[in-house]
């Protein structure tokens, strides 16, 4: 159960980091 939770948190944070990089790349407003 701990591994499932930890992997889910890591994958979700990595998805957030990737989406943030894409938002910088697309020059979305408001900055």
ModelCIF file with pLDDT and N, C-alpha, C, O atoms, coordinates in Angstrom:
data_MODEL
#
_entry.id   MODEL 
#
_entity.id                         1 
_entity.type                       polymer 
_entity.pdbx_number_of_molecules   1 
#
_entity_poly.entity_id                      1 
_entity_poly.type                           'polypeptide(L)' 
_entity_poly.nstd_linkage                   no 
_entity_poly.nstd_monomer                   no 
_entity_poly.pdbx_seq_one_letter_code       
;(UNK)(UNK)(UNK)(UNK)(UNK)(UNK)(UNK)(UNK)(UNK)(UNK)(UNK)(UNK)(UNK)(UNK)(UNK)(UNK)
(UNK)(UNK)(UNK)(UNK)(UNK)(UNK)(UNK)(UNK)(UNK)(UNK)(UNK)(UNK)(UNK)(UNK)(UNK)
;
_entity_poly.pdbx_seq_one_letter_code_can   XXXXXXXXXXXXXXXXXXXXXXXXXXXXXXX 
_entity_poly.pdbx_strand_id                 A 
#
loop_
_entity_poly_seq.entity_id 
_entity_poly_seq.num 
_entity_poly_seq.mon_id 
_entity_poly_seq.hetero 
1 1  UNK n 
1 2  UNK n 
1 3  UNK n 
1 4  UNK n 
1 5  UNK n 
1 6  UNK n 
1 7  UNK n 
1 8  UNK n 
1 9  UNK n 
1 10 UNK n 
1 11 UNK n 
1 12 UNK n 
1 13 UNK n 
1 14 UNK n 
1 15 UNK n 
1 16 UNK n 
1 17 UNK n 
1 18 UNK n 
1 19 UNK n 
1 20 UNK n 
1 21 UNK n 
1 22 UNK n 
1 23 UNK n 
1 24 UNK n 
1 25 UNK n 
1 26 UNK n 
1 27 UNK n 
1 28 UNK n 
1 29 UNK n 
1 30 UNK n 
1 31 UNK n 
#
_struct_asym.id          A 
_struct_asym.entity_id   1 
#
loop_
_ma_qa_metric.id 
_ma_qa_metric.mode 
_ma_qa_metric.name 
_ma_qa_metric.software_group_id 
_ma_qa_metric.type 
1 global pLDDT . pLDDT 
2 local  pLDDT . pLDDT 
#
_ma_qa_metric_global.metric_id      1 
_ma_qa_metric_global.metric_value   92.29 
_ma_qa_metric_global.model_id       1 
_ma_qa_metric_global.ordinal_id     1 
#
loop_
_ma_qa_metric_local.label_asym_id 
_ma_qa_metric_local.label_comp_id 
_ma_qa_metric_local.label_seq_id 
_ma_qa_metric_local.metric_id 
_ma_qa_metric_local.metric_value 
_ma_qa_metric_local.model_id 
_ma_qa_metric_local.ordinal_id 
A UNK 1  2 82.00 1 1  
A UNK 2  2 85.00 1 2  
A UNK 3  2 88.00 1 3  
A UNK 4  2 88.00 1 4  
A UNK 5  2 88.00 1 5  
A UNK 6  2 90.00 1 6  
A UNK 7  2 93.00 1 7  
A UNK 8  2 94.00 1 8  
A UNK 9  2 94.00 1 9  
A UNK 10 2 94.00 1 10 
A UNK 11 2 96.00 1 11 
A UNK 12 2 96.00 1 12 
A UNK 13 2 96.00 1 13 
A UNK 14 2 96.00 1 14 
A UNK 15 2 97.00 1 15 
A UNK 16 2 96.00 1 16 
A UNK 17 2 95.00 1 17 
A UNK 18 2 96.00 1 18 
A UNK 19 2 96.00 1 19 
A UNK 20 2 95.00 1 20 
A UNK 21 2 95.00 1 21 
A UNK 22 2 95.00 1 22 
A UNK 23 2 94.00 1 23 
A UNK 24 2 93.00 1 24 
A UNK 25 2 93.00 1 25 
A UNK 26 2 90.00 1 26 
A UNK 27 2 89.00 1 27 
A UNK 28 2 89.00 1 28 
A UNK 29 2 87.00 1 29 
A UNK 30 2 90.00 1 30 
A UNK 31 2 91.00 1 31 
#
loop_
_atom_site.group_PDB 
_atom_site.id 
_atom_site.type_symbol 
_atom_site.label_atom_id 
_atom_site.label_alt_id 
_atom_site.label_comp_id 
_atom_site.label_asym_id 
_atom_site.label_entity_id 
_atom_site.label_seq_id 
_atom_site.pdbx_PDB_ins_code 
_atom_site.Cartn_x 
_atom_site.Cartn_y 
_atom_site.Cartn_z 
_atom_site.occupancy 
_atom_site.B_iso_or_equiv 
_atom_site.pdbx_formal_charge 
_atom_site.auth_seq_id 
_atom_site.auth_comp_id 
_atom_site.auth_asym_id 
_atom_site.auth_atom_id 
_atom_site.pdbx_PDB_model_num 
ATOM 1   N N  . UNK A 1 1  ? 0.810  -1.221 0.000   1.00 82.00 ? 1  UNK A N  1 
ATOM 2   C CA . UNK A 1 1  ? 0.000  0.000  0.000   1.00 82.00 ? 1  UNK A CA 1 
ATOM 3   C C  . UNK A 1 1  ? 0.837  1.262  0.000   1.00 82.00 ? 1  UNK A C  1 
ATOM 4   O O  . UNK A 1 1  ? 0.485  2.243  -0.655  1.00 82.00 ? 1  UNK A O  1 
ATOM 5   N N  . UNK A 1 2  ? 1.956  1.247  0.737   1.00 85.00 ? 2  UNK A N  1 
ATOM 6   C CA . UNK A 1 2  ? 2.833  2.411  0.755   1.00 85.00 ? 2  UNK A CA 1 
ATOM 7   C C  . UNK A 1 2  ? 3.492  2.631  -0.602  1.00 85.00 ? 2  UNK A C  1 
ATOM 8   O O  . UNK A 1 2  ? 3.637  3.772  -1.039  1.00 85.00 ? 2  UNK A O  1 
ATOM 9   N N  . UNK A 1 3  ? 3.891  1.559  -1.269  1.00 88.00 ? 3  UNK A N  1 
ATOM 10  C CA . UNK A 1 3  ? 4.519  1.701  -2.580  1.00 88.00 ? 3  UNK A CA 1 
ATOM 11  C C  . UNK A 1 3  ? 3.535  2.219  -3.619  1.00 88.00 ? 3  UNK A C  1 
ATOM 12  O O  . UNK A 1 3  ? 3.885  3.048  -4.458  1.00 88.00 ? 3  UNK A O  1 
ATOM 13  N N  . UNK A 1 4  ? 2.307  1.727  -3.559  1.00 88.00 ? 4  UNK A N  1 
ATOM 14  C CA . UNK A 1 4  ? 1.286  2.223  -4.498  1.00 88.00 ? 4  UNK A CA 1 
ATOM 15  C C  . UNK A 1 4  ? 1.078  3.718  -4.288  1.00 88.00 ? 4  UNK A C  1 
ATOM 16  O O  . UNK A 1 4  ? 1.014  4.475  -5.257  1.00 88.00 ? 4  UNK A O  1 
ATOM 17  N N  . UNK A 1 5  ? 0.972  4.149  -3.039  1.00 88.00 ? 5  UNK A N  1 
ATOM 18  C CA . UNK A 1 5  ? 0.793  5.566  -2.747  1.00 88.00 ? 5  UNK A CA 1 
ATOM 19  C C  . UNK A 1 5  ? 1.983  6.404  -3.172  1.00 88.00 ? 5  UNK A C  1 
ATOM 20  O O  . UNK A 1 5  ? 1.812  7.477  -3.750  1.00 88.00 ? 5  UNK A O  1 
ATOM 21  N N  . UNK A 1 6  ? 3.192  5.925  -2.889  1.00 90.00 ? 6  UNK A N  1 
ATOM 22  C CA . UNK A 1 6  ? 4.396  6.677  -3.245  1.00 90.00 ? 6  UNK A CA 1 
ATOM 23  C C  . UNK A 1 6  ? 4.560  6.797  -4.757  1.00 90.00 ? 6  UNK A C  1 
ATOM 24  O O  . UNK A 1 6  ? 4.897  7.868  -5.261  1.00 90.00 ? 6  UNK A O  1 
ATOM 25  N N  . UNK A 1 7  ? 4.328  5.717  -5.473  1.00 93.00 ? 7  UNK A N  1 
ATOM 26  C CA . UNK A 1 7  ? 4.441  5.758  -6.938  1.00 93.00 ? 7  UNK A CA 1 
ATOM 27  C C  . UNK A 1 7  ? 3.390  6.689  -7.533  1.00 93.00 ? 7  UNK A C  1 
ATOM 28  O O  . UNK A 1 7  ? 3.678  7.420  -8.480  1.00 93.00 ? 7  UNK A O  1 
ATOM 29  N N  . UNK A 1 8  ? 2.186  6.670  -6.994  1.00 94.00 ? 8  UNK A N  1 
ATOM 30  C CA . UNK A 1 8  ? 1.132  7.563  -7.484  1.00 94.00 ? 8  UNK A CA 1 
ATOM 31  C C  . UNK A 1 8  ? 1.498  9.024  -7.263  1.00 94.00 ? 8  UNK A C  1 
ATOM 32  O O  . UNK A 1 8  ? 1.281  9.856  -8.145  1.00 94.00 ? 8  UNK A O  1 
ATOM 33  N N  . UNK A 1 9  ? 2.051  9.346  -6.098  1.00 94.00 ? 9  UNK A N  1 
ATOM 34  C CA . UNK A 1 9  ? 2.453  10.726 -5.821  1.00 94.00 ? 9  UNK A CA 1 
ATOM 35  C C  . UNK A 1 9  ? 3.579  11.161 -6.747  1.00 94.00 ? 9  UNK A C  1 
ATOM 36  O O  . UNK A 1 9  ? 3.553  12.275 -7.272  1.00 94.00 ? 9  UNK A O  1 
ATOM 37  N N  . UNK A 1 10 ? 4.573  10.292 -6.956  1.00 94.00 ? 10 UNK A N  1 
ATOM 38  C CA . UNK A 1 10 ? 5.696  10.638 -7.825  1.00 94.00 ? 10 UNK A CA 1 
ATOM 39  C C  . UNK A 1 10 ? 5.229  10.855 -9.264  1.00 94.00 ? 10 UNK A C  1 
ATOM 40  O O  . UNK A 1 10 ? 5.640  11.816 -9.913  1.00 94.00 ? 10 UNK A O  1 
ATOM 41  N N  . UNK A 1 11 ? 4.379  9.972  -9.757  1.00 96.00 ? 11 UNK A N  1 
ATOM 42  C CA . UNK A 1 11 ? 3.882  10.103 -11.138 1.00 96.00 ? 11 UNK A CA 1 
ATOM 43  C C  . UNK A 1 11 ? 3.044  11.374 -11.287 1.00 96.00 ? 11 UNK A C  1 
ATOM 44  O O  . UNK A 1 11 ? 3.141  12.058 -12.306 1.00 96.00 ? 11 UNK A O  1 
ATOM 45  N N  . UNK A 1 12 ? 2.230  11.695 -10.295 1.00 96.00 ? 12 UNK A N  1 
ATOM 46  C CA . UNK A 1 12 ? 1.402  12.891 -10.365 1.00 96.00 ? 12 UNK A CA 1 
ATOM 47  C C  . UNK A 1 12 ? 2.253  14.163 -10.340 1.00 96.00 ? 12 UNK A C  1 
ATOM 48  O O  . UNK A 1 12 ? 1.973  15.108 -11.078 1.00 96.00 ? 12 UNK A O  1 
ATOM 49  N N  . UNK A 1 13 ? 3.284  14.193 -9.499  1.00 96.00 ? 13 UNK A N  1 
ATOM 50  C CA . UNK A 1 13 ? 4.158  15.367 -9.450  1.00 96.00 ? 13 UNK A CA 1 
ATOM 51  C C  . UNK A 1 13 ? 4.952  15.505 -10.747 1.00 96.00 ? 13 UNK A C  1 
ATOM 52  O O  . UNK A 1 13 ? 5.142  16.618 -11.235 1.00 96.00 ? 13 UNK A O  1 
ATOM 53  N N  . UNK A 1 14 ? 5.412  14.399 -11.306 1.00 96.00 ? 14 UNK A N  1 
ATOM 54  C CA . UNK A 1 14 ? 6.127  14.462 -12.583 1.00 96.00 ? 14 UNK A CA 1 
ATOM 55  C C  . UNK A 1 14 ? 5.204  14.951 -13.702 1.00 96.00 ? 14 UNK A C  1 
ATOM 56  O O  . UNK A 1 14 ? 5.631  15.715 -14.568 1.00 96.00 ? 14 UNK A O  1 
ATOM 57  N N  . UNK A 1 15 ? 3.948  14.515 -13.687 1.00 97.00 ? 15 UNK A N  1 
ATOM 58  C CA . UNK A 1 15 ? 2.994  15.012 -14.688 1.00 97.00 ? 15 UNK A CA 1 
ATOM 59  C C  . UNK A 1 15 ? 2.775  16.511 -14.532 1.00 97.00 ? 15 UNK A C  1 
ATOM 60  O O  . UNK A 1 15 ? 2.645  17.224 -15.526 1.00 97.00 ? 15 UNK A O  1 
ATOM 61  N N  . UNK A 1 16 ? 2.733  16.994 -13.295 1.00 96.00 ? 16 UNK A N  1 
ATOM 62  C CA . UNK A 1 16 ? 2.615  18.428 -13.061 1.00 96.00 ? 16 UNK A CA 1 
ATOM 63  C C  . UNK A 1 16 ? 3.827  19.192 -13.550 1.00 96.00 ? 16 UNK A C  1 
ATOM 64  O O  . UNK A 1 16 ? 3.694  20.283 -14.105 1.00 96.00 ? 16 UNK A O  1 
ATOM 65  N N  . UNK A 1 17 ? 5.021  18.625 -13.348 1.00 95.00 ? 17 UNK A N  1 
ATOM 66  C CA . UNK A 1 17 ? 6.245  19.277 -13.844 1.00 95.00 ? 17 UNK A CA 1 
ATOM 67  C C  . UNK A 1 17 ? 6.254  19.345 -15.367 1.00 95.00 ? 17 UNK A C  1 
ATOM 68  O O  . UNK A 1 17 ? 6.627  20.367 -15.942 1.00 95.00 ? 17 UNK A O  1 
ATOM 69  N N  . UNK A 1 18 ? 5.849  18.273 -16.014 1.00 96.00 ? 18 UNK A N  1 
ATOM 70  C CA . UNK A 1 18 ? 5.807  18.254 -17.484 1.00 96.00 ? 18 UNK A CA 1 
ATOM 71  C C  . UNK A 1 18 ? 4.780  19.253 -18.001 1.00 96.00 ? 18 UNK A C  1 
ATOM 72  O O  . UNK A 1 18 ? 5.046  19.969 -18.967 1.00 96.00 ? 18 UNK A O  1 
ATOM 73  N N  . UNK A 1 19 ? 3.611  19.311 -17.371 1.00 96.00 ? 19 UNK A N  1 
ATOM 74  C CA . UNK A 1 19 ? 2.588  20.273 -17.797 1.00 96.00 ? 19 UNK A CA 1 
ATOM 75  C C  . UNK A 1 19 ? 3.054  21.706 -17.588 1.00 96.00 ? 19 UNK A C  1 
ATOM 76  O O  . UNK A 1 19 ? 2.723  22.586 -18.382 1.00 96.00 ? 19 UNK A O  1 
ATOM 77  N N  . UNK A 1 20 ? 3.813  21.948 -16.538 1.00 95.00 ? 20 UNK A N  1 
ATOM 78  C CA . UNK A 1 20 ? 4.343  23.293 -16.292 1.00 95.00 ? 20 UNK A CA 1 
ATOM 79  C C  . UNK A 1 20 ? 5.361  23.680 -17.346 1.00 95.00 ? 20 UNK A C  1 
ATOM 80  O O  . UNK A 1 20 ? 5.361  24.817 -17.818 1.00 95.00 ? 20 UNK A O  1 
ATOM 81  N N  . UNK A 1 21 ? 6.228  22.753 -17.722 1.00 95.00 ? 21 UNK A N  1 
ATOM 82  C CA . UNK A 1 21 ? 7.210  23.035 -18.778 1.00 95.00 ? 21 UNK A CA 1 
ATOM 83  C C  . UNK A 1 21 ? 6.498  23.317 -20.099 1.00 95.00 ? 21 UNK A C  1 
ATOM 84  O O  . UNK A 1 21 ? 6.901  24.209 -20.846 1.00 95.00 ? 21 UNK A O  1 
ATOM 85  N N  . UNK A 1 22 ? 5.452  22.567 -20.384 1.00 95.00 ? 22 UNK A N  1 
ATOM 86  C CA . UNK A 1 22 ? 4.694  22.802 -21.612 1.00 95.00 ? 22 UNK A CA 1 
ATOM 87  C C  . UNK A 1 22 ? 4.015  24.178 -21.569 1.00 95.00 ? 22 UNK A C  1 
ATOM 88  O O  . UNK A 1 22 ? 3.926  24.857 -22.591 1.00 95.00 ? 22 UNK A O  1 
ATOM 89  N N  . UNK A 1 23 ? 3.538  24.586 -20.395 1.00 94.00 ? 23 UNK A N  1 
ATOM 90  C CA . UNK A 1 23 ? 2.902  25.907 -20.303 1.00 94.00 ? 23 UNK A CA 1 
ATOM 91  C C  . UNK A 1 23 ? 3.914  27.031 -20.523 1.00 94.00 ? 23 UNK A C  1 
ATOM 92  O O  . UNK A 1 23 ? 3.572  28.062 -21.103 1.00 94.00 ? 23 UNK A O  1 
ATOM 93  N N  . UNK A 1 24 ? 5.159  26.847 -20.067 1.00 93.00 ? 24 UNK A N  1 
ATOM 94  C CA . UNK A 1 24 ? 6.196  27.838 -20.368 1.00 93.00 ? 24 UNK A CA 1 
ATOM 95  C C  . UNK A 1 24 ? 6.536  27.829 -21.852 1.00 93.00 ? 24 UNK A C  1 
ATOM 96  O O  . UNK A 1 24 ? 6.763  28.883 -22.445 1.00 93.00 ? 24 UNK A O  1 
ATOM 97  N N  . UNK A 1 25 ? 6.571  26.660 -22.445 1.00 93.00 ? 25 UNK A N  1 
ATOM 98  C CA . UNK A 1 25 ? 6.920  26.530 -23.861 1.00 93.00 ? 25 UNK A CA 1 
ATOM 99  C C  . UNK A 1 25 ? 5.856  27.163 -24.759 1.00 93.00 ? 25 UNK A C  1 
ATOM 100 O O  . UNK A 1 25 ? 6.174  27.755 -25.790 1.00 93.00 ? 25 UNK A O  1 
ATOM 101 N N  . UNK A 1 26 ? 4.586  27.030 -24.355 1.00 90.00 ? 26 UNK A N  1 
ATOM 102 C CA . UNK A 1 26 ? 3.497  27.589 -25.149 1.00 90.00 ? 26 UNK A CA 1 
ATOM 103 C C  . UNK A 1 26 ? 3.271  29.082 -24.896 1.00 90.00 ? 26 UNK A C  1 
ATOM 104 O O  . UNK A 1 26 ? 2.456  29.696 -25.585 1.00 90.00 ? 26 UNK A O  1 
ATOM 105 N N  . UNK A 1 27 ? 3.957  29.669 -23.945 1.00 89.00 ? 27 UNK A N  1 
ATOM 106 C CA . UNK A 1 27 ? 3.831  31.080 -23.551 1.00 89.00 ? 27 UNK A CA 1 
ATOM 107 C C  . UNK A 1 27 ? 2.365  31.394 -23.215 1.00 89.00 ? 27 UNK A C  1 
ATOM 108 O O  . UNK A 1 27 ? 1.740  32.261 -23.826 1.00 89.00 ? 27 UNK A O  1 
ATOM 109 N N  . UNK A 1 28 ? 1.844  30.668 -22.235 1.00 89.00 ? 28 UNK A N  1 
ATOM 110 C CA . UNK A 1 28 ? 0.463  30.875 -21.816 1.00 89.00 ? 28 UNK A CA 1 
ATOM 111 C C  . UNK A 1 28 ? 0.365  32.105 -20.922 1.00 89.00 ? 28 UNK A C  1 
ATOM 112 O O  . UNK A 1 28 ? 1.282  32.413 -20.160 1.00 89.00 ? 28 UNK A O  1 
ATOM 113 N N  . UNK A 1 29 ? -0.771 32.807 -21.029 1.00 87.00 ? 29 UNK A N  1 
ATOM 114 C CA . UNK A 1 29 ? -1.016 33.999 -20.225 1.00 87.00 ? 29 UNK A CA 1 
ATOM 115 C C  . UNK A 1 29 ? -2.178 33.725 -19.300 1.00 87.00 ? 29 UNK A C  1 
ATOM 116 O O  . UNK A 1 29 ? -3.125 33.077 -19.748 1.00 87.00 ? 29 UNK A O  1 
ATOM 117 N N  . UNK A 1 30 ? -2.197 34.146 -18.078 1.00 90.00 ? 30 UNK A N  1 
ATOM 118 C CA . UNK A 1 30 ? -1.227 34.966 -17.369 1.00 90.00 ? 30 UNK A CA 1 
ATOM 119 C C  . UNK A 1 30 ? 0.002  34.156 -16.962 1.00 90.00 ? 30 UNK A C  1 
ATOM 120 O O  . UNK A 1 30 ? -0.108 32.992 -16.577 1.00 90.00 ? 30 UNK A O  1 
ATOM 121 N N  . UNK A 1 31 ? 1.163  34.783 -17.052 1.00 91.00 ? 31 UNK A N  1 
ATOM 122 C CA . UNK A 1 31 ? 2.428  34.110 -16.763 1.00 91.00 ? 31 UNK A CA 1 
ATOM 123 C C  . UNK A 1 31 ? 2.559  33.756 -15.287 1.00 91.00 ? 31 UNK A C  1 
ATOM 124 O O  . UNK A 1 31 ? 3.568  33.184 -14.877 1.00 91.00 ? 31 UNK A O  1 
#
